[in-house]
């Protein structure tokens, strides 16, 4: 069996039991502030990605970014794309998506200038993923609008999406 570099990556996780103790939900939850405890340093740890991709005892925190634009007539559009085969998670190939995102890793911790605050580490990862995933040629207003939990499929059992909405001034995202 070949071990990939991606499997060796150290990613940010929280215990699934913590999510359940705060308030279990399935699908979308529009109360992100309710889950602030997930980002407390005592609840976070970095773990080997290859071990976490099939371990439902932990949830990988994934910033998930949506890009919207409202034209002068009030018509709102949402950026969407089909996930290609060149993308990391093979279980998601060929599926339509309205968001982009990825794992928080130890390089994000280093960029947070050694901060012990989980929100700083998470924020660094979100910004890195934003710059890796899209070309954004518009000013925007960003807000955290909720969380996605889907324990009904193998990918969702080990991931927790933190949904951020980017309201773009112009529809310029690729």
Protein backbone atom coordinates (compact mmCIF):
# COMPACT_ATOMS: atom_id res chain seq x y z
CA UNK A 1 0.00 0.00 0.00
CA UNK A 2 1.34 3.42 -0.98
CA UNK A 3 1.04 6.24 1.53
CA UNK A 4 0.38 9.63 -0.05
CA UNK A 5 1.79 12.94 1.10
CA UNK A 6 -1.81 14.05 1.66
CA UNK A 7 -2.32 11.15 4.11
CA UNK A 8 0.63 12.42 6.18
CA UNK A 9 -0.74 15.97 6.41
CA UNK A 10 -1.60 17.05 9.96
CA UNK A 11 -5.14 18.48 9.97
CA UNK A 12 -7.30 20.22 12.55
CA UNK A 13 -9.98 18.04 14.18
CA UNK A 14 -12.40 18.13 17.12
CA UNK A 15 -14.00 15.19 18.93
CA UNK A 16 -17.36 14.25 17.43
CA UNK A 17 -18.68 13.79 20.98
CA UNK A 18 -18.12 17.52 21.56
CA UNK A 19 -20.37 18.40 18.62
CA UNK A 20 -23.01 16.07 20.05
CA UNK A 21 -22.72 17.55 23.56
CA UNK A 22 -23.17 21.12 22.26
CA UNK A 23 -26.15 20.10 20.16
CA UNK A 24 -26.27 17.44 17.49
CA UNK A 25 -27.86 18.36 14.17
CA UNK A 26 -28.08 16.78 10.75
CA UNK A 27 -27.89 19.02 7.67
CA UNK A 28 -27.51 22.78 8.00
CA UNK A 29 -27.53 24.75 11.26
CA UNK A 30 -27.83 28.55 11.00
CA UNK A 31 -26.52 29.15 14.55
CA UNK A 32 -22.72 29.29 14.22
CA UNK A 33 -22.23 31.17 17.50
CA UNK A 34 -23.77 28.24 19.38
CA UNK A 35 -20.75 26.13 18.36
CA UNK A 36 -17.98 28.55 19.40
CA UNK A 37 -16.67 25.95 21.90
CA UNK A 38 -15.45 23.87 18.97
CA UNK A 39 -12.66 26.44 18.51
CA UNK A 40 -11.44 26.49 22.11
CA UNK A 41 -7.80 25.31 22.17
CA UNK A 42 -8.55 22.53 24.65
CA UNK A 43 -10.93 20.95 22.10
CA UNK A 44 -8.67 21.14 19.05
CA UNK A 45 -5.89 18.90 17.91
CA UNK A 46 -3.90 18.16 14.81
CA UNK A 47 -3.98 14.57 13.62
CA UNK A 48 -2.75 12.60 10.63
CA UNK A 49 -5.21 13.04 7.76
CA UNK A 50 -4.88 9.43 6.61
CA UNK A 51 -6.12 8.30 10.04
CA UNK A 52 -8.93 10.87 10.26
CA UNK A 53 -10.54 10.27 6.83
CA UNK A 54 -12.18 7.10 8.13
CA UNK A 55 -12.45 7.84 11.87
CA UNK A 56 -15.94 9.07 12.84
CA UNK A 57 -14.74 9.79 16.40
CA UNK A 58 -13.39 13.09 15.07
CA UNK A 59 -14.74 15.82 12.82
CA UNK A 60 -12.39 17.64 10.47
CA UNK A 61 -13.18 21.38 10.51
CA UNK A 62 -13.62 22.53 6.92
CA UNK A 63 -14.11 26.19 5.98
CA UNK A 64 -16.76 26.10 3.23
CA UNK A 65 -17.03 29.33 1.25
CA UNK A 66 -20.07 30.42 -0.78
CA UNK A 67 -19.85 33.31 -3.26
CA UNK A 68 -22.97 35.31 -4.04
CA UNK A 69 -23.75 38.46 -6.01
CA UNK A 70 -26.90 40.56 -6.21
CA UNK A 71 -27.31 42.58 -9.42
CA UNK A 72 -28.91 46.05 -9.52
CA UNK A 73 -32.33 44.47 -10.24
CA UNK A 74 -32.08 42.38 -7.05
CA UNK A 75 -31.41 39.06 -8.80
CA UNK A 76 -29.01 36.98 -6.72
CA UNK A 77 -26.56 34.52 -8.27
CA UNK A 78 -24.48 31.85 -6.56
CA UNK A 79 -21.14 30.57 -7.83
CA UNK A 80 -21.33 26.83 -8.65
CA UNK A 81 -19.10 24.27 -10.34
CA UNK A 82 -18.69 20.53 -10.95
CA UNK A 83 -15.87 18.96 -8.95
CA UNK A 84 -13.20 17.56 -11.26
CA UNK A 85 -11.02 14.48 -10.98
CA UNK A 86 -7.99 16.61 -10.19
CA UNK A 87 -9.48 17.62 -6.85
CA UNK A 88 -8.33 15.90 -3.66
CA UNK A 89 -11.38 14.06 -2.35
CA UNK A 90 -12.17 11.28 -4.85
CA UNK A 91 -15.50 10.57 -3.15
CA UNK A 92 -16.69 14.00 -4.35
CA UNK A 93 -15.60 13.83 -8.01
CA UNK A 94 -18.26 14.78 -10.59
CA UNK A 95 -20.59 16.26 -7.96
CA UNK A 96 -22.01 19.78 -8.23
CA UNK A 97 -20.88 22.17 -5.52
CA UNK A 98 -21.77 25.72 -4.54
CA UNK A 99 -18.82 26.13 -2.20
CA UNK A 100 -15.07 25.71 -1.98
CA UNK A 101 -12.93 24.88 0.99
CA UNK A 102 -10.47 22.51 2.50
CA UNK A 103 -8.63 21.31 5.57
CA UNK A 104 -6.93 23.45 8.20
CA UNK A 105 -3.37 22.22 8.64
CA UNK A 106 -0.25 22.84 10.70
CA UNK A 107 1.05 25.47 8.27
CA UNK A 108 -1.99 27.55 9.24
CA UNK A 109 -0.94 27.23 12.88
CA UNK A 110 2.53 28.55 11.98
CA UNK A 111 1.00 31.50 10.09
CA UNK A 112 -1.16 32.31 13.11
CA UNK A 113 2.14 33.41 14.69
CA UNK A 114 1.99 30.70 17.32
CA UNK A 115 -1.43 31.83 18.55
CA UNK A 116 -3.12 29.34 20.83
CA UNK A 117 -6.55 30.68 19.86
CA UNK A 118 -8.30 28.16 17.65
CA UNK A 119 -10.20 30.93 15.87
CA UNK A 120 -6.90 32.48 14.69
CA UNK A 121 -5.61 29.16 13.36
CA UNK A 122 -8.96 28.49 11.66
CA UNK A 123 -8.98 31.99 10.13
CA UNK A 124 -5.49 31.51 8.67
CA UNK A 125 -6.65 28.25 7.09
CA UNK A 126 -9.77 29.85 5.68
CA UNK A 127 -7.74 32.63 4.03
CA UNK A 128 -5.20 30.14 2.65
CA UNK A 129 -7.98 28.01 1.17
CA UNK A 130 -9.64 31.10 -0.32
CA UNK A 131 -6.42 32.02 -2.15
CA UNK A 132 -5.73 28.41 -3.22
CA UNK A 133 -9.21 27.63 -4.53
CA UNK A 134 -10.47 30.73 -6.34
CA UNK A 135 -9.46 33.90 -8.10
CA UNK A 136 -11.55 36.62 -6.54
CA UNK A 137 -11.56 39.95 -8.37
CA UNK A 138 -14.19 41.76 -6.36
CA UNK A 139 -14.54 43.38 -2.99
CA UNK A 140 -16.80 41.47 -0.63
CA UNK A 141 -18.45 41.27 2.75
CA UNK A 142 -17.86 37.96 4.50
CA UNK A 143 -19.90 36.39 7.28
CA UNK A 144 -20.12 32.99 8.95
CA UNK A 145 -23.68 31.82 8.31
CA UNK A 146 -23.79 28.29 9.70
CA UNK A 147 -22.49 24.76 9.83
CA UNK A 148 -23.03 21.66 7.69
CA UNK A 149 -23.09 18.19 9.24
CA UNK A 150 -24.02 15.15 7.17
CA UNK A 151 -23.58 11.85 8.97
CA UNK A 152 -25.47 9.98 6.24
CA UNK A 153 -22.47 9.54 3.95
CA UNK A 154 -18.84 8.50 4.43
CA UNK A 155 -17.40 11.94 3.67
CA UNK A 156 -19.83 13.78 5.95
CA UNK A 157 -19.27 11.43 8.90
CA UNK A 158 -15.74 12.77 9.30
CA UNK A 159 -16.14 16.43 8.22
CA UNK A 160 -17.90 19.46 9.67
CA UNK A 161 -18.36 22.36 7.26
CA UNK A 162 -18.20 25.88 8.63
CA UNK A 163 -20.13 27.94 6.06
CA UNK A 164 -18.91 31.42 5.14
CA UNK A 165 -20.81 33.62 2.72
CA UNK A 166 -18.89 36.07 0.58
CA UNK A 167 -21.28 38.71 -0.78
CA UNK A 168 -19.44 40.04 -3.83
CA UNK A 169 -19.70 43.58 -5.15
CA UNK A 170 -19.15 42.22 -8.69
CA UNK A 171 -19.68 38.67 -10.05
CA UNK A 172 -15.95 38.13 -10.56
CA UNK A 173 -14.94 34.76 -9.13
CA UNK A 174 -13.34 31.85 -10.98
